[in-house]
Amino acid sequence: MDDAVSTLTRDPAVGGLTTGAVARLLGVAPTTLRSWDRRYGIGPAYREGGRHRRWTAADIRLLECMCGLTNAGMPPAEAARAALAAASPEPSAGPDEHEALAGKPASHAPRALPIGRARRECRGLAKAAVRLDAHAMDELLAAAIERYGLLAAWESVIMPTLHAVGRNWETAGERYIEVEHLLSWHVSSALRRAGSQRAPVAGSGVSLLACTPGESHTLALEALTAGLAQQGLPVRMFGAALPVEAMEEAVRRTGPAAVVLWAQSRSTASRSLVARVESIEWGVRGARRRPVVLVAGPGWAGQLPPGARHPSGLAEALDALAAISRP
């Protein structure tokens, strides 16, 4: 892929690649590229004869970013916004931007890094993980979160690197299992440190976060936990595979404003569980309350409960829970 992009970059006379050629380079279907062009504006700036798509080096770089984000689990619409934002020229840094990059609250930080910068950050973190260099991973993760904010670091550095390491594990047998496990542990540690810097704001409703029974993937919920904590919003994170009875008891005991149920796969997404949690009540007679239930994760795709709230990513989940929880 790099050779093809390099040729386009070196020789402006090259008219660009066809959609079929680009699809083969990226490993996606041509219909996917056409759909991204029509729906989200992720398309070539040049069309031969005004009709046939011709993809330049810059167009392919944008597609690489889009593919990386969607492969990491980000919904296409949100991935397109992030990719287009990352491809936009960076304005001169004014006072607000300098404050954001200096580690101010994530809500004021950019939600996507420029492509080149994100690649450098991902490459460094991935190399440290392959070396099993725990100290370097800790330093790189802490620096990314401090410089760019939790949200941008998660979306543009941490999540793409986790996906790349996981993809290497899938294609290399068991060779990269230890790399993925160590990286996941250090990501989890970095998220906990990032979320321990602010006390909860009095009067805010608590959010209860848990994986559905049988679900063991917790990192996305850990990122959400850290993001809520950074905003001073109280949160209870119950982790992987919380049994149904324990989940119901936790809701009754905490009286949460919101409950987030994470399912990574369709086999762990349960519509009946959502209904059970939504039906739980607490409080005195005449002032009974129920939690707002949000379902999160790719496992819910295609089988959302009626009227379910399904945040498309970390940013949307943080905004939704903040609106529910703040007094």
Protein backbone atom coordinates (compact mmCIF):
# COMPACT_ATOMS: atom_id res chain seq x y z
CA MET A 1 0.00 0.00 0.00
CA ASP A 2 2.78 2.41 0.90
CA ASP A 3 4.40 1.89 -2.53
CA ALA A 4 1.21 2.80 -4.34
CA VAL A 5 0.62 5.86 -2.19
CA SER A 6 4.27 6.84 -2.54
CA THR A 7 4.01 6.69 -6.33
CA LEU A 8 0.97 8.94 -6.32
CA THR A 9 2.75 11.37 -4.02
CA ARG A 10 5.96 11.51 -6.08
CA ASP A 11 4.31 11.82 -9.48
CA PRO A 12 1.43 14.30 -9.68
CA ALA A 13 0.94 13.24 -13.30
CA VAL A 14 -0.44 9.92 -12.10
CA GLY A 15 -4.17 10.37 -12.40
CA GLY A 16 -5.06 8.47 -9.26
CA LEU A 17 -6.23 4.94 -8.59
CA THR A 18 -9.58 3.47 -9.48
CA THR A 19 -12.04 2.47 -6.79
CA GLY A 20 -11.36 -1.19 -7.48
CA ALA A 21 -7.60 -0.73 -7.10
CA VAL A 22 -8.00 1.17 -3.84
CA ALA A 23 -10.42 -1.46 -2.52
CA ARG A 24 -7.83 -4.18 -3.17
CA LEU A 25 -5.12 -2.15 -1.43
CA LEU A 26 -7.23 -1.53 1.67
CA GLY A 27 -8.94 -4.91 1.78
CA VAL A 28 -12.49 -3.52 1.63
CA ALA A 29 -15.30 -3.92 -0.85
CA PRO A 30 -15.64 -1.32 -3.65
CA THR A 31 -19.28 -0.89 -2.64
CA THR A 32 -18.10 0.15 0.84
CA LEU A 33 -15.92 2.90 -0.62
CA ARG A 34 -18.77 4.16 -2.80
CA SER A 35 -21.11 4.11 0.19
CA TRP A 36 -18.64 6.12 2.30
CA ASP A 37 -18.36 8.63 -0.52
CA ARG A 38 -22.14 9.05 -0.89
CA ARG A 39 -23.05 9.03 2.80
CA TYR A 40 -20.14 10.68 4.56
CA GLY A 41 -18.11 12.59 1.98
CA ILE A 42 -15.12 10.23 2.31
CA GLY A 43 -14.45 10.31 -1.40
CA PRO A 44 -11.96 11.44 -4.03
CA ALA A 45 -11.56 15.10 -4.85
CA TYR A 46 -11.08 14.21 -8.54
CA ARG A 47 -13.43 12.34 -10.87
CA GLU A 48 -12.32 11.38 -14.34
CA GLY A 49 -14.69 12.91 -16.85
CA GLY A 50 -16.71 14.19 -13.90
CA ARG A 51 -17.99 10.67 -13.12
CA HIS A 52 -15.38 7.96 -12.51
CA ARG A 53 -13.68 8.16 -9.14
CA ARG A 54 -9.90 8.57 -9.10
CA TRP A 55 -8.25 8.36 -5.69
CA THR A 56 -5.13 10.41 -4.98
CA ALA A 57 -2.54 9.84 -2.24
CA ALA A 58 -4.34 12.28 0.06
CA ASP A 59 -7.65 10.49 -0.59
CA ILE A 60 -6.10 7.13 0.29
CA ARG A 61 -4.57 8.50 3.50
CA LEU A 62 -8.04 9.63 4.51
CA LEU A 63 -9.43 6.17 3.72
CA GLU A 64 -6.68 4.55 5.80
CA CYS A 65 -7.75 6.65 8.77
CA MET A 66 -11.42 5.79 8.17
CA CYS A 67 -10.61 2.06 7.93
CA GLY A 68 -8.53 2.15 11.08
CA LEU A 69 -11.31 3.79 13.09
CA THR A 70 -14.10 1.53 11.81
CA ASN A 71 -11.96 -1.58 12.28
CA ALA A 72 -11.43 -0.48 15.88
CA GLY A 73 -15.18 -0.49 16.43
CA MET A 74 -16.15 3.13 15.78
CA PRO A 75 -19.46 3.54 13.86
CA PRO A 76 -18.93 4.73 10.25
CA ALA A 77 -20.65 8.11 10.70
CA GLU A 78 -18.52 9.00 13.72
CA ALA A 79 -15.38 7.59 12.09
CA ALA A 80 -16.00 9.76 9.02
CA ARG A 81 -16.31 12.91 11.15
CA ALA A 82 -13.09 12.05 12.99
CA ALA A 83 -11.20 11.22 9.79
CA LEU A 84 -12.31 14.41 8.04
CA ALA A 85 -11.44 16.48 11.10
CA ALA A 86 -8.00 14.85 11.28
CA ALA A 87 -7.38 15.55 7.60
CA SER A 88 -8.22 19.24 7.93
CA PRO A 89 -5.25 21.62 8.10
CA GLU A 90 -4.32 22.45 11.66
CA PRO A 91 -4.98 26.10 12.52
CA SER A 92 -2.42 28.09 14.40
CA ALA A 93 -2.65 27.23 18.05
CA GLY A 94 -4.43 29.96 19.93
CA PRO A 95 -4.79 30.14 23.71
CA ASP A 96 -7.69 27.65 23.83
CA GLU A 97 -5.85 25.03 21.78
CA HIS A 98 -2.70 25.36 23.86
CA GLU A 99 -4.78 24.86 27.00
CA ALA A 100 -6.41 21.74 25.53
CA LEU A 101 -3.08 20.20 24.51
CA ALA A 102 -1.66 20.99 27.91
CA GLY A 103 -4.01 18.47 29.51
CA LYS A 104 -7.17 20.45 30.26
CA PRO A 105 -10.50 18.57 30.55
CA ALA A 106 -11.17 16.17 27.69
CA SER A 107 -14.32 18.02 26.66
CA HIS A 108 -12.10 20.89 25.48
CA ALA A 109 -9.52 18.66 23.74
CA PRO A 110 -9.57 17.78 20.02
CA ARG A 111 -11.52 14.59 19.35
CA ALA A 112 -9.14 13.35 16.65
CA LEU A 113 -5.44 13.83 16.14
CA PRO A 114 -4.02 14.77 12.73
CA ILE A 115 -3.31 11.54 10.84
CA GLY A 116 0.47 11.84 10.87
CA ARG A 117 0.64 12.61 14.56
CA ALA A 118 -1.75 9.78 15.44
CA ARG A 119 0.33 7.33 13.42
CA ARG A 120 3.51 8.32 15.21
CA GLU A 121 1.84 7.89 18.60
CA CYS A 122 0.35 4.50 17.63
CA ARG A 123 3.64 3.28 16.17
CA GLY A 124 5.57 4.15 19.31
CA LEU A 125 3.03 2.49 21.59
CA ALA A 126 2.84 -0.63 19.43
CA LYS A 127 6.63 -0.99 19.34
CA ALA A 128 6.80 -0.69 23.12
CA ALA A 129 4.10 -3.36 23.43
CA VAL A 130 5.92 -5.76 21.08
CA ARG A 131 9.11 -5.28 23.14
CA LEU A 132 7.05 -5.98 26.29
CA ASP A 133 8.46 -2.71 27.61
CA ALA A 134 6.15 -1.93 30.53
CA HIS A 135 7.85 1.32 31.53
CA ALA A 136 7.72 2.73 27.99
CA MET A 137 4.04 1.83 27.61
CA ASP A 138 3.19 3.60 30.87
CA GLU A 139 5.08 6.72 29.80
CA LEU A 140 3.58 6.81 26.29
CA LEU A 141 0.02 6.26 27.50
CA ALA A 142 0.30 8.89 30.23
CA ALA A 143 1.84 11.38 27.81
CA ALA A 144 -0.88 10.85 25.19
CA ILE A 145 -3.69 11.30 27.71
CA GLU A 146 -2.07 14.36 29.27
CA ARG A 147 -1.27 16.04 25.95
CA TYR A 148 -4.40 15.32 23.94
CA GLY A 149 -7.03 14.58 26.58
CA LEU A 150 -8.62 11.26 27.38
CA LEU A 151 -11.14 11.29 24.54
CA ALA A 152 -8.70 12.05 21.72
CA ALA A 153 -6.07 9.71 23.16
CA TRP A 154 -8.60 6.86 23.33
CA GLU A 155 -10.06 7.37 19.85
CA SER A 156 -6.88 8.20 17.93
CA VAL A 157 -4.09 6.36 19.78
CA ILE A 158 -5.22 3.69 22.25
CA MET A 159 -8.08 2.08 20.35
CA PRO A 160 -6.27 1.88 16.97
CA THR A 161 -3.16 0.40 18.64
CA LEU A 162 -5.20 -2.20 20.51
CA HIS A 163 -6.88 -3.16 17.26
CA ALA A 164 -3.57 -3.41 15.38
CA VAL A 165 -2.05 -5.66 18.05
CA GLY A 166 -5.19 -7.81 18.08
CA ARG A 167 -5.08 -8.11 14.30
CA ASN A 168 -1.45 -9.28 14.47
CA TRP A 169 -2.45 -11.87 17.05
CA GLU A 170 -5.22 -13.18 14.77
CA THR A 171 -2.86 -13.55 11.79
CA ALA A 172 0.18 -14.90 13.66
CA GLY A 173 -1.35 -17.70 15.70
CA GLU A 174 -0.55 -17.32 19.37
CA ARG A 175 2.53 -15.18 18.82
CA TYR A 176 1.06 -11.89 19.99
CA ILE A 177 -1.20 -13.04 22.83
CA GLU A 178 1.27 -11.91 25.47
CA VAL A 179 1.63 -8.54 23.71
CA GLU A 180 -2.12 -7.95 23.65
CA HIS A 181 -2.55 -8.98 27.29
CA LEU A 182 0.27 -6.74 28.53
CA LEU A 183 -0.87 -3.76 26.48
CA SER A 184 -4.45 -4.18 27.71
CA TRP A 185 -3.26 -4.26 31.31
CA HIS A 186 -1.26 -1.05 30.92
CA VAL A 187 -4.12 0.68 29.09
CA SER A 188 -6.40 -0.28 31.97
CA SER A 189 -3.89 1.09 34.49
CA ALA A 190 -3.51 4.35 32.55
CA LEU A 191 -7.27 4.82 32.40
CA ARG A 192 -7.62 4.29 36.14
CA ARG A 193 -4.91 6.85 36.85
CA ALA A 194 -6.56 9.34 34.50
CA GLY A 195 -9.90 8.93 36.25
CA SER A 196 -8.61 9.33 39.80
CA GLN A 197 -7.78 13.02 39.64
CA ARG A 198 -11.10 14.63 40.57
CA ALA A 199 -13.65 14.13 43.33
CA PRO A 200 -17.31 13.62 42.31
CA VAL A 201 -19.53 16.69 42.16
CA ALA A 202 -22.11 16.65 44.97
CA GLY A 203 -25.68 16.06 43.88
CA SER A 204 -24.83 14.28 40.62
CA GLY A 205 -26.58 11.02 39.83
CA VAL A 206 -24.42 7.89 39.74
CA SER A 207 -23.87 5.87 36.57
CA LEU A 208 -23.59 2.09 36.90
CA LEU A 209 -21.44 0.41 34.23
CA ALA A 210 -21.26 -3.35 33.68
CA CYS A 211 -20.59 -5.96 31.04
CA THR A 212 -23.48 -8.30 30.35
CA PRO A 213 -23.27 -11.89 31.70
CA GLY A 214 -20.70 -13.85 29.70
CA GLU A 215 -18.98 -10.69 28.41
CA SER A 216 -15.30 -10.23 29.31
CA HIS A 217 -14.29 -7.17 27.25
CA THR A 218 -14.05 -4.25 29.68
CA LEU A 219 -11.64 -1.66 28.25
CA ALA A 220 -14.27 0.48 26.54
CA LEU A 221 -16.23 0.69 29.80
CA GLU A 222 -13.00 1.51 31.64
CA ALA A 223 -12.46 4.43 29.25
CA LEU A 224 -16.02 5.58 29.90
CA THR A 225 -15.46 5.26 33.65
CA ALA A 226 -12.36 7.43 33.44
CA GLY A 227 -14.12 10.01 31.27
CA LEU A 228 -17.02 10.32 33.72
CA ALA A 229 -14.66 10.58 36.68
CA GLN A 230 -12.71 13.36 34.96
CA GLN A 231 -15.95 15.33 34.70
CA GLY A 232 -16.70 14.83 38.38
CA LEU A 233 -19.60 12.48 37.67
CA PRO A 234 -19.94 9.56 40.12
CA VAL A 235 -19.62 6.12 38.58
CA ARG A 236 -19.62 2.50 39.69
CA MET A 237 -17.78 0.15 37.35
CA PHE A 238 -18.62 -3.54 37.92
CA GLY A 239 -16.40 -4.96 35.18
CA ALA A 240 -16.74 -8.21 33.28
CA ALA A 241 -19.58 -10.72 33.21
CA LEU A 242 -21.74 -9.41 36.03
CA PRO A 243 -24.42 -12.03 36.82
CA VAL A 244 -28.03 -10.93 36.35
CA GLU A 245 -28.94 -11.22 40.02
CA ALA A 246 -25.87 -9.24 41.07
CA MET A 247 -26.68 -6.56 38.51
CA GLU A 248 -30.23 -6.21 39.80
CA GLU A 249 -29.00 -6.00 43.39
CA ALA A 250 -26.42 -3.37 42.45
CA VAL A 251 -29.11 -1.23 40.80
CA ARG A 252 -31.36 -1.45 43.86
CA ARG A 253 -28.53 -0.60 46.25
CA THR A 254 -27.05 2.32 44.28
CA GLY A 255 -30.22 3.84 42.80
CA PRO A 256 -28.36 4.96 39.66
CA ALA A 257 -29.46 7.70 37.30
CA ALA A 258 -28.22 5.55 34.42
CA VAL A 259 -27.06 2.01 33.70
CA VAL A 260 -24.76 1.15 30.80
CA LEU A 261 -24.71 -2.48 29.61
CA TRP A 262 -21.78 -3.44 27.38
CA ALA A 263 -21.89 -6.35 24.90
CA GLN A 264 -18.98 -6.99 22.54
CA SER A 265 -20.69 -9.81 20.64
CA ARG A 266 -24.25 -10.68 19.65
CA SER A 267 -24.13 -13.76 21.85
CA THR A 268 -23.78 -11.64 25.00
CA ALA A 269 -26.36 -8.97 24.11
CA SER A 270 -29.63 -9.72 25.89
CA ARG A 271 -32.81 -7.73 25.25
CA SER A 272 -34.53 -9.45 28.17
CA LEU A 273 -31.77 -8.24 30.50
CA VAL A 274 -32.40 -4.64 29.40
CA ALA A 275 -36.09 -5.04 30.14
CA ARG A 276 -35.34 -6.46 33.59
CA VAL A 277 -33.00 -3.61 34.51
CA GLU A 278 -35.39 -0.98 33.16
CA SER A 279 -38.19 -2.37 35.35
CA ILE A 280 -36.29 -2.05 38.64
CA GLU A 281 -37.74 0.62 40.94
CA TRP A 282 -36.62 2.16 44.21
CA GLY A 283 -37.61 5.01 46.51
CA VAL A 284 -40.61 5.75 48.66
CA ARG A 285 -44.17 5.15 47.49
CA GLY A 286 -45.35 7.99 45.31
CA ALA A 287 -41.81 8.92 44.30
CA ARG A 288 -40.54 5.71 42.78
CA ARG A 289 -37.70 5.96 40.26
CA ARG A 290 -36.20 3.82 37.51
CA PRO A 291 -32.79 4.03 35.83
CA VAL A 292 -32.18 5.17 32.27
CA VAL A 293 -30.61 2.18 30.51
CA LEU A 294 -28.07 2.63 27.72
CA VAL A 295 -26.75 -0.30 25.67
CA ALA A 296 -23.19 -0.02 24.35
CA GLY A 297 -20.86 -2.09 22.23
CA PRO A 298 -21.03 -3.74 18.79
CA GLY A 299 -22.93 -6.75 20.12
CA TRP A 300 -26.19 -4.78 20.12
CA ALA A 301 -26.07 -4.00 16.39
CA GLY A 302 -29.17 -5.29 14.67
CA GLN A 303 -30.92 -6.32 17.89
CA LEU A 304 -31.53 -3.14 19.84
CA PRO A 305 -34.39 -3.27 22.33
CA PRO A 306 -37.34 -1.02 21.39
CA GLY A 307 -36.54 2.61 22.20
CA ALA A 308 -33.05 1.72 23.44
CA ARG A 309 -30.41 4.42 23.72
CA HIS A 310 -27.27 3.21 21.95
CA PRO A 311 -24.34 5.66 22.06
CA SER A 312 -22.18 5.36 18.94
CA GLY A 313 -18.90 5.96 20.74
CA LEU A 314 -17.14 7.28 23.81
CA ALA A 315 -17.90 10.93 23.09
CA GLU A 316 -21.62 10.34 22.64
CA ALA A 317 -21.80 8.15 25.74
CA LEU A 318 -20.06 10.79 27.87
CA ASP A 319 -22.42 13.50 26.61
CA ALA A 320 -25.51 11.36 27.22
CA LEU A 321 -24.52 10.35 30.75
CA ALA A 322 -23.52 13.90 31.66
CA ALA A 323 -26.96 15.14 30.59
CA ILE A 324 -28.66 12.42 32.67
CA SER A 325 -26.47 12.66 35.76
CA ARG A 326 -25.80 16.34 36.33
CA PRO A 327 -28.05 18.04 38.91
